[in-house]
């Protein structure tokens, strides 16, 4: 928990569109709340980010991991300290995983969805959290369940609270299941993409863009993976790091963005 001190190849090309061809959803609460242009993901490890410029950098921290197992939801809250200054913009991230072992696969029931909803809403009670982000690599059979969860969550949140989700890059291509989801953004994860990694990065480097409008409000990158592309200044940049953030990491990130 938090301390008190906050101490693409040609095959893929048709799945991309030029950046301006499709209309974005009208509202983005993250912009309305003036969240910084760069957000650092802080995963399950001790992090001291008191040194960051809070006008330029926000923090999306892993608040909990929820595992769907049978008809249960197994809670693993954050155990590592996170230190940030009082002016830091914070997003509480809930990672959702599903058990794939036979006999323990998720029921995807209404009861399970209600339990998830309550646990996710509780992250807003953490000190100075202003937004929520869900991280769930939902397979096809889980997408209706995930859609219902997002709809329930949006209905429970105050009208001004931003709701973000991460999205596998494949979600943002030709698959239209993200259409009309009640989120402010779907952050495309342009790293650790497996077999399609090179093809997708080549297409983005060539100036192509994601087909899904919700995926054209932000980027999700890793500090240790090269990505030769221009980042649109209108989009928020989320950055993952395998190690605790340091001032040297921030300097390297700034250099990379300026290139």
Protein backbone atom coordinates (compact mmCIF):
# COMPACT_ATOMS: atom_id res chain seq x y z
CA UNK A 1 0.00 0.00 0.00
CA UNK A 2 1.04 3.63 -0.32
CA UNK A 3 3.07 5.24 2.43
CA UNK A 4 1.70 8.33 4.11
CA UNK A 5 4.53 10.40 2.67
CA UNK A 6 3.75 8.94 -0.76
CA UNK A 7 7.01 8.50 1.60
CA UNK A 8 3.75 -4.22 -39.01
CA UNK A 9 4.32 -5.69 -42.05
CA UNK A 10 2.29 -5.29 -45.28
CA UNK A 11 -0.18 -7.84 -43.91
CA UNK A 12 -0.91 -5.52 -41.03
CA UNK A 13 -0.89 -2.30 -43.05
CA UNK A 14 -4.65 -2.35 -43.88
CA UNK A 15 -5.35 -2.46 -40.14
CA UNK A 16 -3.78 0.98 -39.68
CA UNK A 17 -5.20 4.32 -40.75
CA UNK A 18 -3.66 7.75 -41.27
CA UNK A 19 -3.85 9.67 -38.01
CA UNK A 20 -6.65 12.07 -38.99
CA UNK A 21 -9.17 9.83 -40.74
CA UNK A 22 -11.41 8.91 -37.82
CA UNK A 23 -13.08 11.09 -35.23
CA UNK A 24 -12.04 10.78 -31.58
CA UNK A 25 -14.62 10.49 -28.81
CA UNK A 26 -15.66 13.93 -27.62
CA UNK A 27 -14.54 13.83 -24.00
CA UNK A 28 -11.19 13.15 -22.37
CA UNK A 29 -11.35 13.75 -18.63
CA UNK A 30 -7.59 13.35 -18.27
CA UNK A 31 -7.12 16.47 -20.37
CA UNK A 32 -9.90 18.24 -18.50
CA UNK A 33 -8.02 17.54 -15.26
CA UNK A 34 -4.78 18.71 -16.88
CA UNK A 35 -2.90 15.49 -16.28
CA UNK A 36 0.76 15.83 -17.33
CA UNK A 37 1.84 14.75 -20.83
CA UNK A 38 4.02 11.88 -19.55
CA UNK A 39 2.90 9.25 -17.04
CA UNK A 40 5.35 6.86 -15.40
CA UNK A 41 4.06 3.40 -14.59
CA UNK A 42 5.20 2.40 -11.08
CA UNK A 43 4.82 -1.35 -10.67
CA UNK A 44 5.11 -3.63 -7.61
CA UNK A 45 8.44 -2.54 -6.17
CA UNK A 46 9.66 0.30 -3.94
CA UNK A 47 9.58 3.56 -5.87
CA UNK A 48 10.79 7.03 -4.84
CA UNK A 49 9.58 9.58 -7.40
CA UNK A 50 9.75 12.69 -5.25
CA UNK A 51 12.30 14.17 -7.69
CA UNK A 52 10.07 14.35 -10.79
CA UNK A 53 8.75 17.59 -12.29
CA UNK A 54 5.04 17.18 -11.51
CA UNK A 55 4.02 19.61 -14.25
CA UNK A 56 5.53 17.26 -16.82
CA UNK A 57 5.21 13.83 -15.20
CA UNK A 58 2.37 11.96 -13.53
CA UNK A 59 2.42 8.49 -11.94
CA UNK A 60 0.21 5.48 -12.65
CA UNK A 61 0.94 3.02 -9.85
CA UNK A 62 -0.10 -0.60 -9.50
CA UNK A 63 -2.58 -0.44 -6.63
CA UNK A 64 -3.71 -4.08 -6.72
CA UNK A 65 -3.86 -7.27 -8.76
CA UNK A 66 -7.20 -9.08 -8.95
CA UNK A 67 -7.23 -12.67 -10.20
CA UNK A 68 -10.40 -14.27 -11.50
CA UNK A 69 -10.45 -17.88 -10.27
CA UNK A 70 -13.63 -19.93 -10.58
CA UNK A 71 -16.33 -17.68 -9.13
CA UNK A 72 -13.86 -15.93 -6.83
CA UNK A 73 -11.79 -12.77 -7.07
CA UNK A 74 -8.39 -13.16 -5.42
CA UNK A 75 -7.01 -9.84 -4.13
CA UNK A 76 -3.30 -9.06 -4.04
CA UNK A 77 -2.92 -5.45 -2.84
CA UNK A 78 0.20 -3.36 -3.36
CA UNK A 79 2.78 -4.08 -0.67
CA UNK A 80 5.67 -1.89 -1.80
CA UNK A 81 6.07 1.79 -0.80
CA UNK A 82 5.54 4.59 -3.27
CA UNK A 83 6.97 8.02 -2.49
CA UNK A 84 5.80 11.04 -4.46
CA UNK A 85 5.48 14.75 -3.77
CA UNK A 86 2.15 16.26 -2.75
CA UNK A 87 1.59 17.81 -6.19
CA UNK A 88 1.93 14.56 -8.16
CA UNK A 89 -1.01 13.56 -10.37
CA UNK A 90 -1.85 9.94 -9.51
CA UNK A 91 -3.66 7.17 -11.38
CA UNK A 92 -4.49 3.97 -9.49
CA UNK A 93 -3.98 0.92 -11.72
CA UNK A 94 -5.81 -2.36 -11.17
CA UNK A 95 -4.30 -5.34 -12.94
CA UNK A 96 -6.87 -8.07 -13.70
CA UNK A 97 -5.73 -11.60 -14.46
CA UNK A 98 -7.69 -14.78 -15.15
CA UNK A 99 -6.78 -18.26 -14.03
CA UNK A 100 -6.31 -20.57 -17.02
CA UNK A 101 -5.99 -23.90 -15.14
CA UNK A 102 -8.78 -26.38 -15.92
CA UNK A 103 -11.30 -26.40 -13.07
CA UNK A 104 -10.28 -22.91 -11.95
CA UNK A 105 -11.14 -20.92 -15.05
CA UNK A 106 -13.20 -17.80 -14.30
CA UNK A 107 -16.98 -18.12 -14.15
CA UNK A 108 -17.34 -14.52 -15.39
CA UNK A 109 -20.46 -14.24 -13.27
CA UNK A 110 -22.43 -11.19 -12.13
CA UNK A 111 -21.25 -11.88 -8.58
CA UNK A 112 -17.65 -11.86 -9.72
CA UNK A 113 -18.17 -8.62 -11.64
CA UNK A 114 -19.72 -6.97 -8.59
CA UNK A 115 -16.75 -7.98 -6.44
CA UNK A 116 -14.34 -6.53 -8.99
CA UNK A 117 -16.34 -3.32 -9.10
CA UNK A 118 -16.17 -2.80 -5.33
CA UNK A 119 -12.43 -3.47 -5.16
CA UNK A 120 -11.64 -1.15 -8.07
CA UNK A 121 -13.74 1.67 -6.62
CA UNK A 122 -11.83 1.34 -3.34
CA UNK A 123 -8.63 2.50 -5.04
CA UNK A 124 -10.16 5.97 -5.32
CA UNK A 125 -9.98 6.15 -1.53
CA UNK A 126 -6.17 6.12 -1.63
CA UNK A 127 -4.57 9.46 -0.90
CA UNK A 128 -4.78 11.95 -3.80
CA UNK A 129 -5.77 9.43 -6.46
CA UNK A 130 -7.61 11.29 -9.22
CA UNK A 131 -8.10 8.63 -11.92
CA UNK A 132 -8.47 4.89 -12.46
CA UNK A 133 -6.81 2.63 -15.01
CA UNK A 134 -7.62 -1.04 -15.70
CA UNK A 135 -5.03 -3.43 -17.12
CA UNK A 136 -6.72 -6.62 -18.40
CA UNK A 137 -5.57 -8.61 -21.43
CA UNK A 138 -9.06 -9.99 -21.99
CA UNK A 139 -9.33 -12.89 -24.43
CA UNK A 140 -12.29 -13.08 -26.80
CA UNK A 141 -14.45 -15.08 -24.36
CA UNK A 142 -13.87 -12.47 -21.62
CA UNK A 143 -14.65 -9.32 -23.58
CA UNK A 144 -18.40 -9.14 -22.95
CA UNK A 145 -17.66 -9.53 -19.24
CA UNK A 146 -15.01 -6.79 -19.42
CA UNK A 147 -17.32 -4.48 -21.35
CA UNK A 148 -20.04 -4.90 -18.69
CA UNK A 149 -17.51 -4.23 -15.94
CA UNK A 150 -16.38 -1.00 -17.61
CA UNK A 151 -19.98 0.12 -18.11
CA UNK A 152 -20.81 -0.58 -14.45
CA UNK A 153 -17.66 1.20 -13.32
CA UNK A 154 -18.34 4.31 -15.41
CA UNK A 155 -21.88 4.45 -14.00
CA UNK A 156 -20.53 4.37 -10.42
CA UNK A 157 -17.80 6.97 -10.93
CA UNK A 158 -18.33 10.67 -10.57
CA UNK A 159 -18.78 12.36 -13.93
CA UNK A 160 -15.38 14.08 -13.72
CA UNK A 161 -13.25 11.02 -12.74
CA UNK A 162 -11.14 9.77 -15.67
CA UNK A 163 -11.34 6.07 -16.57
CA UNK A 164 -8.43 4.67 -18.56
CA UNK A 165 -7.63 1.18 -19.82
CA UNK A 166 -4.56 -0.42 -21.33
CA UNK A 167 -4.95 -2.21 -24.65
CA UNK A 168 -2.88 -4.83 -26.39
CA UNK A 169 -1.72 -3.41 -29.72
CA UNK A 170 -3.80 -6.11 -31.43
CA UNK A 171 -6.93 -4.63 -29.82
CA UNK A 172 -6.20 -1.36 -31.63
CA UNK A 173 -5.80 -2.75 -35.13
CA UNK A 174 -8.63 -4.42 -37.03
CA UNK A 175 -10.53 -5.66 -33.98
CA UNK A 176 -13.44 -3.30 -33.28
CA UNK A 177 -14.43 -4.59 -29.87
CA UNK A 178 -13.21 -1.38 -28.24
CA UNK A 179 -15.90 0.62 -30.06
CA UNK A 180 -18.05 2.73 -27.72
CA UNK A 181 -16.42 1.54 -24.50
CA UNK A 182 -17.06 4.15 -21.75
CA UNK A 183 -13.38 5.03 -21.25
CA UNK A 184 -11.41 8.19 -21.82
CA UNK A 185 -8.55 6.36 -23.53
CA UNK A 186 -7.26 2.92 -24.43
CA UNK A 187 -3.47 3.01 -24.04
CA UNK A 188 -1.89 0.88 -26.81
CA UNK A 189 0.94 -1.21 -25.36
CA UNK A 190 3.66 -0.80 -27.99
CA UNK A 191 6.12 -3.12 -26.24
CA UNK A 192 6.49 -6.81 -25.36
CA UNK A 193 4.24 -7.53 -28.36
CA UNK A 194 5.54 -10.98 -29.22
CA UNK A 195 5.44 -12.20 -32.85
CA UNK A 196 3.93 -8.98 -34.24
CA UNK A 197 6.39 -6.67 -32.49
CA UNK A 198 8.58 -5.81 -35.48
CA UNK A 199 5.71 -5.47 -37.97
CA UNK A 200 3.70 -3.14 -35.76
CA UNK A 201 6.69 -0.96 -34.89
CA UNK A 202 7.70 -0.70 -38.56
CA UNK A 203 4.19 0.41 -39.52
CA UNK A 204 4.10 3.04 -36.78
CA UNK A 205 7.57 4.24 -37.74
CA UNK A 206 6.33 4.67 -41.32
CA UNK A 207 3.65 7.08 -40.10
CA UNK A 208 0.67 4.71 -39.93
CA UNK A 209 -1.69 4.88 -36.98
CA UNK A 210 -4.04 2.63 -35.05
CA UNK A 211 -7.47 1.98 -36.50
CA UNK A 212 -9.31 2.34 -33.16
CA UNK A 213 -9.95 6.01 -32.21
CA UNK A 214 -9.67 5.30 -28.47
CA UNK A 215 -6.09 4.14 -29.09
CA UNK A 216 -5.14 7.47 -30.63
CA UNK A 217 -5.07 9.49 -27.43
CA UNK A 218 -1.95 8.00 -25.87
CA UNK A 219 1.05 5.70 -26.31
CA UNK A 220 2.33 2.98 -24.01
CA UNK A 221 6.06 2.30 -24.38
CA UNK A 222 8.90 0.70 -22.41
CA UNK A 223 12.04 2.63 -21.66
CA UNK A 224 14.23 -0.35 -22.64
CA UNK A 225 12.68 -0.99 -26.10
CA UNK A 226 13.66 1.08 -29.14
CA UNK A 227 10.79 2.67 -31.06
CA UNK A 228 11.74 4.82 -34.05
CA UNK A 229 8.68 7.03 -34.41
CA UNK A 230 7.53 10.57 -33.79
CA UNK A 231 5.27 10.97 -30.78
CA UNK A 232 2.32 13.29 -31.40
CA UNK A 233 2.45 16.06 -28.82
CA UNK A 234 -1.32 15.87 -28.41
CA UNK A 235 -1.09 12.35 -26.96
CA UNK A 236 -0.20 11.30 -23.46
CA UNK A 237 2.86 9.06 -23.14
CA UNK A 238 2.84 6.20 -20.61
CA UNK A 239 6.24 4.67 -19.91
CA UNK A 240 7.06 1.31 -18.33
CA UNK A 241 10.35 0.52 -16.60
CA UNK A 242 11.52 -2.91 -15.44
CA UNK A 243 13.48 -1.30 -12.64
CA UNK A 244 12.88 1.45 -10.08
CA UNK A 245 12.86 4.88 -11.71
CA UNK A 246 15.96 7.05 -11.37
CA UNK A 247 16.88 10.56 -12.43
CA UNK A 248 19.11 9.03 -15.11
CA UNK A 249 16.08 7.17 -16.51
CA UNK A 250 14.11 10.41 -16.72
CA UNK A 251 17.01 12.14 -18.45
CA UNK A 252 17.29 9.28 -20.98
CA UNK A 253 13.54 9.39 -21.58
CA UNK A 254 13.60 13.14 -22.21
CA UNK A 255 16.44 12.68 -24.70
CA UNK A 256 14.53 9.96 -26.50
CA UNK A 257 11.38 12.07 -26.81
CA UNK A 258 13.34 15.01 -28.22
CA UNK A 259 14.93 12.92 -30.98
